[in-house]
C-alpha atoms as a PDB file:
ATOM      1  CA  UNK A   1      25.792  87.864 -22.533  1.00  0.00           C
ATOM      2  CA  UNK A   2      26.671  87.378 -26.214  1.00  0.00           C
ATOM      3  CA  UNK A   3      30.305  88.199 -25.446  1.00  0.00           C
ATOM      4  CA  UNK A   4      30.391  85.743 -22.520  1.00  0.00           C
ATOM      5  CA  UNK A   5      28.924  82.927 -24.649  1.00  0.00           C
ATOM      6  CA  UNK A   6      30.908  83.763 -27.775  1.00  0.00           C
ATOM      7  CA  UNK A   7      33.152  80.677 -27.618  1.00  0.00           C
ATOM      8  CA  UNK A   8      30.292  78.230 -26.982  1.00  0.00           C
ATOM      9  CA  UNK A   9      27.844  76.433 -29.234  1.00  0.00           C
ATOM     10  CA  UNK A  10      24.382  77.713 -28.373  1.00  0.00           C
ATOM     11  CA  UNK A  11      21.058  75.886 -28.770  1.00  0.00           C
ATOM     12  CA  UNK A  12      18.093  78.283 -28.571  1.00  0.00           C
ATOM     13  CA  UNK A  13      15.271  77.076 -26.304  1.00  0.00           C
ATOM     14  CA  UNK A  14      11.605  78.060 -26.388  1.00  0.00           C
ATOM     15  CA  UNK A  15      10.588  80.896 -24.042  1.00  0.00           C
ATOM     16  CA  UNK A  16       7.766  78.960 -22.403  1.00  0.00           C
ATOM     17  CA  UNK A  17      10.247  76.524 -20.841  1.00  0.00           C
ATOM     18  CA  UNK A  18      11.412  79.460 -18.708  1.00  0.00           C
ATOM     19  CA  UNK A  19       7.897  80.400 -17.606  1.00  0.00           C
ATOM     20  CA  UNK A  20       7.896  80.411 -13.788  1.00  0.00           C
ATOM     21  CA  UNK A  21       4.761  78.325 -13.297  1.00  0.00           C
ATOM     22  CA  UNK A  22       5.797  75.762 -15.938  1.00  0.00           C
ATOM     23  CA  UNK A  23       9.315  75.541 -14.528  1.00  0.00           C
ATOM     24  CA  UNK A  24       7.944  75.137 -10.999  1.00  0.00           C
ATOM     25  CA  UNK A  25       5.699  72.253 -12.097  1.00  0.00           C
ATOM     26  CA  UNK A  26       8.599  70.616 -13.931  1.00  0.00           C
ATOM     27  CA  UNK A  27      10.769  70.695 -10.808  1.00  0.00           C
ATOM     28  CA  UNK A  28       7.981  69.321  -8.591  1.00  0.00           C
ATOM     29  CA  UNK A  29       7.340  66.483 -11.034  1.00  0.00           C
ATOM     30  CA  UNK A  30      11.003  65.566 -11.480  1.00  0.00           C
ATOM     31  CA  UNK A  31      11.928  65.778  -7.788  1.00  0.00           C
ATOM     32  CA  UNK A  32       8.659  64.038  -6.773  1.00  0.00           C
ATOM     33  CA  UNK A  33       7.766  66.644  -4.139  1.00  0.00           C
ATOM     34  CA  UNK A  34       4.705  68.795  -3.467  1.00  0.00           C
ATOM     35  CA  UNK A  35       6.690  71.946  -2.628  1.00  0.00           C
ATOM     36  CA  UNK A  36      10.172  73.394  -3.098  1.00  0.00           C
ATOM     37  CA  UNK A  37      10.249  74.712   0.481  1.00  0.00           C
ATOM     38  CA  UNK A  38      12.585  71.954   1.606  1.00  0.00           C
ATOM     39  CA  UNK A  39      15.221  73.019  -0.920  1.00  0.00           C
ATOM     40  CA  UNK A  40      15.329  76.613   0.336  1.00  0.00           C
ATOM     41  CA  UNK A  41      14.483  78.156  -3.034  1.00  0.00           C
ATOM     42  CA  UNK A  42      10.863  79.293  -2.552  1.00  0.00           C
ATOM     43  CA  UNK A  43      10.381  82.763  -4.002  1.00  0.00           C
ATOM     44  CA  UNK A  44      13.556  82.626  -6.097  1.00  0.00           C
ATOM     45  CA  UNK A  45      11.718  83.306  -9.363  1.00  0.00           C
ATOM     46  CA  UNK A  46      14.672  83.578 -11.751  1.00  0.00           C
ATOM     47  CA  UNK A  47      16.472  80.572 -10.235  1.00  0.00           C
ATOM     48  CA  UNK A  48      13.372  78.351 -10.426  1.00  0.00           C
ATOM     49  CA  UNK A  49      12.695  79.444 -14.015  1.00  0.00           C
ATOM     50  CA  UNK A  50      16.277  78.603 -15.024  1.00  0.00           C
ATOM     51  CA  UNK A  51      16.339  75.289 -13.109  1.00  0.00           C
ATOM     52  CA  UNK A  52      12.997  74.183 -14.552  1.00  0.00           C
ATOM     53  CA  UNK A  53      14.127  74.954 -18.099  1.00  0.00           C
ATOM     54  CA  UNK A  54      17.367  73.057 -17.509  1.00  0.00           C
ATOM     55  CA  UNK A  55      15.509  69.978 -16.220  1.00  0.00           C
ATOM     56  CA  UNK A  56      13.179  70.114 -19.270  1.00  0.00           C
ATOM     57  CA  UNK A  57      16.218  70.251 -21.537  1.00  0.00           C
ATOM     58  CA  UNK A  58      17.873  67.303 -19.765  1.00  0.00           C
ATOM     59  CA  UNK A  59      14.661  65.256 -19.858  1.00  0.00           C
ATOM     60  CA  UNK A  60      14.443  65.850 -23.594  1.00  0.00           C
ATOM     61  CA  UNK A  61      18.082  65.037 -24.352  1.00  0.00           C
ATOM     62  CA  UNK A  62      18.936  62.444 -21.704  1.00  0.00           C
ATOM     63  CA  UNK A  63      15.559  60.661 -21.539  1.00  0.00           C
ATOM     64  CA  UNK A  64      15.387  60.775 -17.727  1.00  0.00           C
ATOM     65  CA  UNK A  65      18.742  59.030 -17.424  1.00  0.00           C
ATOM     66  CA  UNK A  66      20.467  61.898 -15.593  1.00  0.00           C
ATOM     67  CA  UNK A  67      20.989  61.651 -11.858  1.00  0.00           C
ATOM     68  CA  UNK A  68      19.437  64.883 -10.560  1.00  0.00           C
ATOM     69  CA  UNK A  69      17.880  63.987  -7.203  1.00  0.00           C
ATOM     70  CA  UNK A  70      17.926  67.332  -5.406  1.00  0.00           C
ATOM     71  CA  UNK A  71      18.708  71.000  -5.901  1.00  0.00           C
ATOM     72  CA  UNK A  72      20.731  73.327  -3.696  1.00  0.00           C
ATOM     73  CA  UNK A  73      20.924  77.100  -3.559  1.00  0.00           C
ATOM     74  CA  UNK A  74      24.120  79.127  -3.645  1.00  0.00           C
ATOM     75  CA  UNK A  75      23.567  82.120  -1.379  1.00  0.00           C
ATOM     76  CA  UNK A  76      25.563  85.330  -1.512  1.00  0.00           C
ATOM     77  CA  UNK A  77      25.752  85.455   2.274  1.00  0.00           C
ATOM     78  CA  UNK A  78      28.009  82.345   2.247  1.00  0.00           C
ATOM     79  CA  UNK A  79      30.212  82.799  -0.829  1.00  0.00           C
ATOM     80  CA  UNK A  80      31.713  85.703  -2.733  1.00  0.00           C
ATOM     81  CA  UNK A  81      30.289  85.571  -6.244  1.00  0.00           C
ATOM     82  CA  UNK A  82      32.862  86.538  -8.868  1.00  0.00           C
ATOM     83  CA  UNK A  83      31.582  87.235 -12.363  1.00  0.00           C
ATOM     84  CA  UNK A  84      33.322  85.925 -15.465  1.00  0.00           C
ATOM     85  CA  UNK A  85      35.194  89.201 -16.118  1.00  0.00           C
ATOM     86  CA  UNK A  86      36.568  89.326 -12.579  1.00  0.00           C
ATOM     87  CA  UNK A  87      37.653  85.687 -12.714  1.00  0.00           C
ATOM     88  CA  UNK A  88      39.385  86.306 -16.037  1.00  0.00           C
ATOM     89  CA  UNK A  89      41.171  89.505 -14.938  1.00  0.00           C
ATOM     90  CA  UNK A  90      42.360  87.902 -11.698  1.00  0.00           C
ATOM     91  CA  UNK A  91      43.597  84.868 -13.700  1.00  0.00           C
ATOM     92  CA  UNK A  92      42.023  82.509 -11.174  1.00  0.00           C
ATOM     93  CA  UNK A  93      41.760  79.450 -13.412  1.00  0.00           C
ATOM     94  CA  UNK A  94      43.141  80.629 -16.783  1.00  0.00           C
ATOM     95  CA  UNK A  95      45.808  83.128 -17.800  1.00  0.00           C
ATOM     96  CA  UNK A  96      45.006  86.210 -19.872  1.00  0.00           C
ATOM     97  CA  UNK A  97      47.573  85.588 -22.593  1.00  0.00           C
ATOM     98  CA  UNK A  98      46.560  82.255 -24.081  1.00  0.00           C
ATOM     99  CA  UNK A  99      43.643  81.126 -21.930  1.00  0.00           C
ATOM    100  CA  UNK A 100      45.418  78.033 -20.577  1.00  0.00           C
ATOM    101  CA  UNK A 101      45.638  77.163 -16.886  1.00  0.00           C
ATOM    102  CA  UNK A 102      49.421  77.683 -16.804  1.00  0.00           C
ATOM    103  CA  UNK A 103      50.396  80.494 -14.432  1.00  0.00           C
ATOM    104  CA  UNK A 104      46.880  80.826 -13.002  1.00  0.00           C
ATOM    105  CA  UNK A 105      46.171  80.775  -9.263  1.00  0.00           C
ATOM    106  CA  UNK A 106      44.630  77.330  -9.672  1.00  0.00           C
ATOM    107  CA  UNK A 107      47.762  75.894 -11.320  1.00  0.00           C
ATOM    108  CA  UNK A 108      49.942  77.179  -8.463  1.00  0.00           C
ATOM    109  CA  UNK A 109      47.718  75.864  -5.671  1.00  0.00           C
ATOM    110  CA  UNK A 110      46.574  72.597  -7.220  1.00  0.00           C
ATOM    111  CA  UNK A 111      48.316  69.668  -5.528  1.00  0.00           C
ATOM    112  CA  UNK A 112      45.141  67.560  -5.459  1.00  0.00           C
ATOM    113  CA  UNK A 113      45.347  63.866  -6.359  1.00  0.00           C
ATOM    114  CA  UNK A 114      41.688  63.031  -6.963  1.00  0.00           C
ATOM    115  CA  UNK A 115      39.272  64.464  -9.562  1.00  0.00           C
ATOM    116  CA  UNK A 116      36.883  65.396  -6.734  1.00  0.00           C
ATOM    117  CA  UNK A 117      39.615  67.318  -4.940  1.00  0.00           C
ATOM    118  CA  UNK A 118      40.447  69.173  -8.145  1.00  0.00           C
ATOM    119  CA  UNK A 119      36.827  70.191  -8.658  1.00  0.00           C
ATOM    120  CA  UNK A 120      36.480  71.248  -5.013  1.00  0.00           C
ATOM    121  CA  UNK A 121      39.600  73.439  -5.227  1.00  0.00           C
ATOM    122  CA  UNK A 122      38.418  75.074  -8.452  1.00  0.00           C
ATOM    123  CA  UNK A 123      35.029  75.779  -6.862  1.00  0.00           C
ATOM    124  CA  UNK A 124      36.674  77.192  -3.730  1.00  0.00           C
ATOM    125  CA  UNK A 125      38.786  79.573  -5.815  1.00  0.00           C
ATOM    126  CA  UNK A 126      35.925  80.824  -7.977  1.00  0.00           C
ATOM    127  CA  UNK A 127      33.456  80.974  -5.049  1.00  0.00           C
ATOM    128  CA  UNK A 128      35.588  81.951  -2.034  1.00  0.00           C
ATOM    129  CA  UNK A 129      34.170  81.846   1.468  1.00  0.00           C
ATOM    130  CA  UNK A 130      33.029  85.067   3.138  1.00  0.00           C
ATOM    131  CA  UNK A 131      32.643  84.254   6.842  1.00  0.00           C
ATOM    132  CA  UNK A 132      35.919  84.651   8.725  1.00  0.00           C
ATOM    133  CA  UNK A 133      35.072  81.747  11.029  1.00  0.00           C
ATOM    134  CA  UNK A 134      34.732  79.303   8.093  1.00  0.00           C
ATOM    135  CA  UNK A 135      37.905  80.652   6.459  1.00  0.00           C
ATOM    136  CA  UNK A 136      39.825  80.260   9.724  1.00  0.00           C
ATOM    137  CA  UNK A 137      38.606  76.657  10.162  1.00  0.00           C
ATOM    138  CA  UNK A 138      39.900  75.792   6.707  1.00  0.00           C
ATOM    139  CA  UNK A 139      43.216  77.571   7.264  1.00  0.00           C
ATOM    140  CA  UNK A 140      43.779  75.830  10.598  1.00  0.00           C
ATOM    141  CA  UNK A 141      43.102  72.438   9.006  1.00  0.00           C
ATOM    142  CA  UNK A 142      45.624  73.119   6.219  1.00  0.00           C
ATOM    143  CA  UNK A 143      48.225  74.278   8.751  1.00  0.00           C
ATOM    144  CA  UNK A 144      47.648  71.163  10.865  1.00  0.00           C
ATOM    145  CA  UNK A 145      48.198  68.908   7.843  1.00  0.00           C
ATOM    146  CA  UNK A 146      51.399  70.742   6.930  1.00  0.00           C
ATOM    147  CA  UNK A 147      52.724  70.199  10.461  1.00  0.00           C
ATOM    148  CA  UNK A 148      51.590  66.561  10.682  1.00  0.00           C
ATOM    149  CA  UNK A 149      53.523  65.114   7.742  1.00  0.00           C
ATOM    150  CA  UNK A 150      52.726  61.516   8.716  1.00  0.00           C
ATOM    151  CA  UNK A 151      48.960  62.142   8.619  1.00  0.00           C
ATOM    152  CA  UNK A 152      49.237  64.053   5.339  1.00  0.00           C
ATOM    153  CA  UNK A 153      51.125  61.214   3.635  1.00  0.00           C
ATOM    154  CA  UNK A 154      48.733  58.626   5.046  1.00  0.00           C
ATOM    155  CA  UNK A 155      45.781  60.529   3.586  1.00  0.00           C
ATOM    156  CA  UNK A 156      47.488  61.054   0.231  1.00  0.00           C
ATOM    157  CA  UNK A 157      48.402  57.350  -0.001  1.00  0.00           C
ATOM    158  CA  UNK A 158      44.747  56.373   0.512  1.00  0.00           C
ATOM    159  CA  UNK A 159      43.390  59.098  -1.759  1.00  0.00           C
ATOM    160  CA  UNK A 160      45.625  57.970  -4.640  1.00  0.00           C
ATOM    161  CA  UNK A 161      43.647  54.708  -4.704  1.00  0.00           C
ATOM    162  CA  UNK A 162      40.299  56.488  -4.998  1.00  0.00           C
ATOM    163  CA  UNK A 163      38.897  57.038  -8.466  1.00  0.00           C
ATOM    164  CA  UNK A 164      36.298  59.575  -9.586  1.00  0.00           C
ATOM    165  CA  UNK A 165      33.458  58.476  -7.305  1.00  0.00           C
ATOM    166  CA  UNK A 166      31.292  61.457  -8.311  1.00  0.00           C
ATOM    167  CA  UNK A 167      31.481  60.476 -11.974  1.00  0.00           C
ATOM    168  CA  UNK A 168      31.051  56.769 -11.201  1.00  0.00           C
ATOM    169  CA  UNK A 169      27.993  57.479  -9.021  1.00  0.00           C
ATOM    170  CA  UNK A 170      26.521  59.552 -11.820  1.00  0.00           C
ATOM    171  CA  UNK A 171      27.000  56.646 -14.257  1.00  0.00           C
ATOM    172  CA  UNK A 172      25.220  54.305 -11.848  1.00  0.00           C
ATOM    173  CA  UNK A 173      22.317  56.734 -11.406  1.00  0.00           C
ATOM    174  CA  UNK A 174      22.128  57.204 -15.173  1.00  0.00           C
ATOM    175  CA  UNK A 175      22.082  53.401 -15.636  1.00  0.00           C
ATOM    176  CA  UNK A 176      25.075  53.427 -17.983  1.00  0.00           C
ATOM    177  CA  UNK A 177      27.640  51.948 -15.569  1.00  0.00           C
ATOM    178  CA  UNK A 178      29.500  48.809 -16.608  1.00  0.00           C
ATOM    179  CA  UNK A 179      31.136  46.129 -14.474  1.00  0.00           C
ATOM    180  CA  UNK A 180      34.516  47.881 -14.483  1.00  0.00           C
ATOM    181  CA  UNK A 181      32.865  50.995 -13.069  1.00  0.00           C
ATOM    182  CA  UNK A 182      31.539  48.902 -10.194  1.00  0.00           C
ATOM    183  CA  UNK A 183      34.975  47.407  -9.543  1.00  0.00           C
ATOM    184  CA  UNK A 184      36.345  50.973  -9.447  1.00  0.00           C
ATOM    185  CA  UNK A 185      33.686  51.879  -6.884  1.00  0.00           C
ATOM    186  CA  UNK A 186      34.594  48.828  -4.787  1.00  0.00           C
ATOM    187  CA  UNK A 187      38.314  49.647  -4.937  1.00  0.00           C
ATOM    188  CA  UNK A 188      37.647  53.262  -4.003  1.00  0.00           C
ATOM    189  CA  UNK A 189      35.357  52.663  -1.037  1.00  0.00           C
ATOM    190  CA  UNK A 190      37.761  50.009   0.291  1.00  0.00           C
ATOM    191  CA  UNK A 191      39.960  52.948   1.297  1.00  0.00           C
ATOM    192  CA  UNK A 192      37.212  54.887   3.092  1.00  0.00           C
ATOM    193  CA  UNK A 193      37.796  53.244   6.515  1.00  0.00           C
ATOM    194  CA  UNK A 194      41.508  54.191   6.423  1.00  0.00           C
ATOM    195  CA  UNK A 195      40.711  57.817   5.561  1.00  0.00           C
ATOM    196  CA  UNK A 196      38.009  58.037   8.198  1.00  0.00           C
ATOM    197  CA  UNK A 197      40.242  56.531  10.884  1.00  0.00           C
ATOM    198  CA  UNK A 198      43.145  58.858  10.032  1.00  0.00           C
ATOM    199  CA  UNK A 199      40.966  61.989  10.150  1.00  0.00           C
ATOM    200  CA  UNK A 200      39.217  60.923  13.346  1.00  0.00           C
ATOM    201  CA  UNK A 201      42.551  60.480  15.107  1.00  0.00           C
ATOM    202  CA  UNK A 202      43.650  64.029  14.264  1.00  0.00           C
ATOM    203  CA  UNK A 203      43.569  66.722  16.946  1.00  0.00           C
ATOM    204  CA  UNK A 204      42.190  69.323  14.555  1.00  0.00           C
ATOM    205  CA  UNK A 205      38.421  69.751  15.215  1.00  0.00           C
ATOM    206  CA  UNK A 206      37.574  70.434  11.550  1.00  0.00           C
ATOM    207  CA  UNK A 207      39.398  67.320  10.258  1.00  0.00           C
ATOM    208  CA  UNK A 208      37.959  65.197  13.048  1.00  0.00           C
ATOM    209  CA  UNK A 209      34.487  66.524  12.187  1.00  0.00           C
ATOM    210  CA  UNK A 210      35.022  65.630   8.515  1.00  0.00           C
ATOM    211  CA  UNK A 211      35.575  61.995   9.490  1.00  0.00           C
ATOM    212  CA  UNK A 212      31.980  61.777  10.728  1.00  0.00           C
ATOM    213  CA  UNK A 213      30.636  62.587   7.258  1.00  0.00           C
ATOM    214  CA  UNK A 214      32.542  59.733   5.579  1.00  0.00           C
ATOM    215  CA  UNK A 215      30.421  56.660   4.926  1.00  0.00           C
ATOM    216  CA  UNK A 216      32.171  53.317   4.454  1.00  0.00           C
ATOM    217  CA  UNK A 217      29.420  51.495   2.462  1.00  0.00           C
ATOM    218  CA  UNK A 218      30.281  47.959   3.662  1.00  0.00           C
ATOM    219  CA  UNK A 219      27.155  46.442   2.041  1.00  0.00           C
ATOM    220  CA  UNK A 220      27.983  47.844  -1.398  1.00  0.00           C
ATOM    221  CA  UNK A 221      31.600  46.757  -1.124  1.00  0.00           C
ATOM    222  CA  UNK A 222      30.603  43.243  -0.044  1.00  0.00           C
ATOM    223  CA  UNK A 223      27.981  42.921  -2.785  1.00  0.00           C
ATOM    224  CA  UNK A 224      30.424  43.882  -5.550  1.00  0.00           C
ATOM    225  CA  UNK A 225      33.192  41.750  -4.021  1.00  0.00           C
ATOM    226  CA  UNK A 226      30.982  38.650  -3.917  1.00  0.00           C
ATOM    227  CA  UNK A 227      29.259  39.053  -7.266  1.00  0.00           C
ATOM    228  CA  UNK A 228      31.641  40.526  -9.868  1.00  0.00           C
ATOM    229  CA  UNK A 229      34.954  39.092 -11.105  1.00  0.00           C
ATOM    230  CA  UNK A 230      38.044  41.227 -10.431  1.00  0.00           C
ATOM    231  CA  UNK A 231      38.821  41.969 -14.106  1.00  0.00           C
ATOM    232  CA  UNK A 232      35.460  42.023 -15.932  1.00  0.00           C
ATOM    233  CA  UNK A 233      34.997  42.886 -19.624  1.00  0.00           C
ATOM    234  CA  UNK A 234      33.928  46.415 -20.556  1.00  0.00           C
ATOM    235  CA  UNK A 235      30.776  45.282 -22.380  1.00  0.00           C
ATOM    236  CA  UNK A 236      27.874  43.930 -20.351  1.00  0.00           C
ATOM    237  CA  UNK A 237      26.315  42.271 -23.401  1.00  0.00           C
ATOM    238  CA  UNK A 238      28.580  39.230 -23.647  1.00  0.00           C
ATOM    239  CA  UNK A 239      28.421  38.081 -20.034  1.00  0.00           C
ATOM    240  CA  UNK A 240      31.457  36.771 -18.187  1.00  0.00           C
ATOM    241  CA  UNK A 241      30.905  39.238 -15.338  1.00  0.00           C
ATOM    242  CA  UNK A 242      29.307  37.281 -12.462  1.00  0.00           C
ATOM    243  CA  UNK A 243      31.524  35.229 -10.140  1.00  0.00           C
ATOM    244  CA  UNK A 244      31.094  31.479  -9.749  1.00  0.00           C
ATOM    245  CA  UNK A 245      29.046  30.372  -6.714  1.00  0.00           C
ATOM    246  CA  UNK A 246      27.200  33.716  -6.507  1.00  0.00           C
ATOM    247  CA  UNK A 247      24.051  32.870  -8.449  1.00  0.00           C
ATOM    248  CA  UNK A 248      22.757  29.254  -8.721  1.00  0.00           C
ATOM    249  CA  UNK A 249      21.127  29.871 -12.121  1.00  0.00           C
ATOM    250  CA  UNK A 250      24.341  31.265 -13.570  1.00  0.00           C
ATOM    251  CA  UNK A 251      26.339  28.350 -12.135  1.00  0.00           C
ATOM    252  CA  UNK A 252      23.953  25.825 -13.674  1.00  0.00           C
ATOM    253  CA  UNK A 253      24.079  27.463 -17.102  1.00  0.00           C
ATOM    254  CA  UNK A 254      27.873  27.663 -16.943  1.00  0.00           C
ATOM    255  CA  UNK A 255      28.109  23.993 -16.074  1.00  0.00           C
ATOM    256  CA  UNK A 256      25.913  23.156 -19.056  1.00  0.00           C
ATOM    257  CA  UNK A 257      28.111  25.258 -21.314  1.00  0.00           C
ATOM    258  CA  UNK A 258      31.368  23.829 -19.923  1.00  0.00           C
ATOM    259  CA  UNK A 259      30.179  20.251 -20.156  1.00  0.00           C
ATOM    260  CA  UNK A 260      29.342  20.858 -23.800  1.00  0.00           C
ATOM    261  CA  UNK A 261      32.928  20.383 -24.959  1.00  0.00           C
ATOM    262  CA  UNK A 262      33.168  17.042 -23.164  1.00  0.00           C
ATOM    263  CA  UNK A 263      29.826  15.984 -24.663  1.00  0.00           C
ATOM    264  CA  UNK A 264      30.996  16.772 -28.213  1.00  0.00           C
ATOM    265  CA  UNK A 265      34.216  14.779 -27.720  1.00  0.00           C
ATOM    266  CA  UNK A 266      32.234  11.817 -26.359  1.00  0.00           C
ATOM    267  CA  UNK A 267      29.638  12.060 -29.159  1.00  0.00           C
ATOM    268  CA  UNK A 268      32.323  12.088 -31.835  1.00  0.00           C
ATOM    269  CA  UNK A 269      33.993   9.031 -30.277  1.00  0.00           C
ATOM    270  CA  UNK A 270      30.655   7.148 -30.057  1.00  0.00           C
ATOM    271  CA  UNK A 271      29.652   7.954 -33.646  1.00  0.00           C
ATOM    272  CA  UNK A 272      33.021   6.849 -34.976  1.00  0.00           C
ATOM    273  CA  UNK A 273      32.591   3.502 -33.234  1.00  0.00           C
ATOM    274  CA  UNK A 274      28.966   3.073 -34.329  1.00  0.00           C
ATOM    275  CA  UNK A 275      29.488   3.968 -37.974  1.00  0.00           C
ATOM    276  CA  UNK A 276      33.055   2.760 -38.462  1.00  0.00           C
ATOM    277  CA  UNK A 277      33.929   6.154 -40.051  1.00  0.00           C
ATOM    278  CA  UNK A 278      37.311   7.032 -38.480  1.00  0.00           C
ATOM    279  CA  UNK A 279      37.467  10.473 -40.160  1.00  0.00           C
ATOM    280  CA  UNK A 280      34.016  11.576 -38.842  1.00  0.00           C
ATOM    281  CA  UNK A 281      34.108  14.991 -37.132  1.00  0.00           C
ATOM    282  CA  UNK A 282      31.606  16.766 -34.832  1.00  0.00           C
ATOM    283  CA  UNK A 283      32.025  20.494 -35.378  1.00  0.00           C
ATOM    284  CA  UNK A 284      30.405  23.902 -34.875  1.00  0.00           C
ATOM    285  CA  UNK A 285      30.307  27.243 -36.642  1.00  0.00           C
ATOM    286  CA  UNK A 286      28.207  30.336 -36.079  1.00  0.00           C
ATOM    287  CA  UNK A 287      26.321  30.079 -39.349  1.00  0.00           C
ATOM    288  CA  UNK A 288      25.356  26.372 -39.376  1.00  0.00           C
ATOM    289  CA  UNK A 289      25.554  25.518 -35.668  1.00  0.00           C
ATOM    290  CA  UNK A 290      26.567  21.961 -34.671  1.00  0.00           C
ATOM    291  CA  UNK A 291      26.964  19.222 -37.279  1.00  0.00           C
ATOM    292  CA  UNK A 292      28.609  15.911 -38.088  1.00  0.00           C
ATOM    293  CA  UNK A 293      30.944  16.094 -41.097  1.00  0.00           C
ATOM    294  CA  UNK A 294      31.595  13.020 -43.303  1.00  0.00           C
ATOM    295  CA  UNK A 295      33.900  12.914 -46.336  1.00  0.00           C
ATOM    296  CA  UNK A 296      32.624  11.780 -49.768  1.00  0.00           C
ATOM    297  CA  UNK A 297      34.546   8.520 -49.596  1.00  0.00           C
ATOM    298  CA  UNK A 298      32.585   7.464 -46.495  1.00  0.00           C
ATOM    299  CA  UNK A 299      29.066   8.621 -47.419  1.00  0.00           C
ATOM    300  CA  UNK A 300      27.986   5.010 -48.115  1.00  0.00           C
ATOM    301  CA  UNK A 301      28.559   4.249 -44.425  1.00  0.00           C
ATOM    302  CA  UNK A 302      26.269   7.017 -43.095  1.00  0.00           C
ATOM    303  CA  UNK A 303      23.339   5.575 -41.031  1.00  0.00           C
ATOM    304  CA  UNK A 304      19.721   6.172 -42.091  1.00  0.00           C
ATOM    305  CA  UNK A 305      18.893   8.280 -39.017  1.00  0.00           C
ATOM    306  CA  UNK A 306      21.461  10.940 -40.027  1.00  0.00           C
ATOM    307  CA  UNK A 307      19.688  14.066 -41.359  1.00  0.00           C
ATOM    308  CA  UNK A 308      21.447  15.779 -44.269  1.00  0.00           C
ATOM    309  CA  UNK A 309      22.180  19.427 -43.415  1.00  0.00           C
ATOM    310  CA  UNK A 310      24.610  20.712 -46.061  1.00  0.00           C
ATOM    311  CA  UNK A 311      26.452  19.372 -49.104  1.00  0.00           C
ATOM    312  CA  UNK A 312      30.127  20.310 -49.561  1.00  0.00           C
ATOM    313  CA  UNK A 313      32.655  19.739 -52.332  1.00  0.00           C
ATOM    314  CA  UNK A 314      34.521  17.131 -50.328  1.00  0.00           C
ATOM    315  CA  UNK A 315      31.669  15.660 -48.303  1.00  0.00           C
ATOM    316  CA  UNK A 316      28.429  16.353 -46.437  1.00  0.00           C
ATOM    317  CA  UNK A 317      27.260  17.645 -43.080  1.00  0.00           C
ATOM    318  CA  UNK A 318      24.602  15.884 -41.043  1.00  0.00           C
ATOM    319  CA  UNK A 319      22.481  16.261 -37.941  1.00  0.00           C
ATOM    320  CA  UNK A 320      21.228  13.595 -35.535  1.00  0.00           C
ATOM    321  CA  UNK A 321      18.242  13.969 -33.185  1.00  0.00           C
ATOM    322  CA  UNK A 322      20.693  13.794 -30.251  1.00  0.00           C
ATOM    323  CA  UNK A 323      22.901  16.547 -31.682  1.00  0.00           C
ATOM    324  CA  UNK A 324      19.889  18.691 -32.536  1.00  0.00           C
ATOM    325  CA  UNK A 325      18.601  18.425 -28.953  1.00  0.00           C
ATOM    326  CA  UNK A 326      22.050  19.238 -27.594  1.00  0.00           C
ATOM    327  CA  UNK A 327      22.378  22.269 -29.884  1.00  0.00           C
ATOM    328  CA  UNK A 328      19.079  23.676 -28.659  1.00  0.00           C
ATOM    329  CA  UNK A 329      20.111  23.142 -25.049  1.00  0.00           C
ATOM    330  CA  UNK A 330      23.647  24.514 -25.258  1.00  0.00           C
ATOM    331  CA  UNK A 331      22.873  27.549 -27.408  1.00  0.00           C
ATOM    332  CA  UNK A 332      19.887  28.384 -25.244  1.00  0.00           C
ATOM    333  CA  UNK A 333      21.981  28.198 -22.074  1.00  0.00           C
ATOM    334  CA  UNK A 334      24.713  30.412 -23.536  1.00  0.00           C
ATOM    335  CA  UNK A 335      22.161  33.033 -24.612  1.00  0.00           C
ATOM    336  CA  UNK A 336      20.476  32.939 -21.181  1.00  0.00           C
ATOM    337  CA  UNK A 337      23.895  33.168 -19.541  1.00  0.00           C
ATOM    338  CA  UNK A 338      24.687  36.354 -21.444  1.00  0.00           C
END
């Protein structure tokens, strides 16, 4: 095994994580089940020990943020298992000379246009089917698509618009998805009905059968469509993600924030008229917040209710009770909005 792992960084793990009983308990706890019978792996001592240790490792490094919801068994009666040496000598995914994919069987066959298709093809090459009936079904489907050019192009056109749903789903499950990920999900599943309809209309039983396993997720698509703007920011910390008219609280806070600019213009106009100071300015900066700025030449005209906030070389900055109340309201609404 040292030769097989020679090119990898290795982190040693304590032996007790691989103890069968400990690993079994870990799997039960993580999968929230009372038995592993339903997963078809009862009695598979080595597999359970390895899976339990892996889950322990992921829990320790990912803090339960990984999306493992079930386990599946790979059985030798369904697939031909090819060890690393065989895969290397047959140049299935990498060539022998330089280790790149160029010239490998995968590079010759790979005409996939989605990440999921690429992963499926790689898996099919490294774990080929055994049963002749399953192989024949797959061959017949490929032949049908080659003969039906219109269907093939229709499927490829729709598939080009689908992003890496497996990766995106994993990000959602891991609670690290951002708004752009959700827009990508919406865009991808919008093409599901077209793919399903095209496959269902085919006269090949295998392709027609595949159409039944395609879910269209109308509720998810509608939710994202109604709630998230079409080009959201990457960060979810600064807001600006939720559409207008989706959430009443967000709409109210936005209105407060938007009206703020009009309020400041009106306040500045009123204060100029009240005080007679034509150069008076109502301004804002991140450090000092909102303030009224008066030049030195006009300080004798400042009303008594103005509260001195900061002295400058060329003048002074003041607060009024009205401005202070507004500042609290507007800054609070912007923070809540985020």
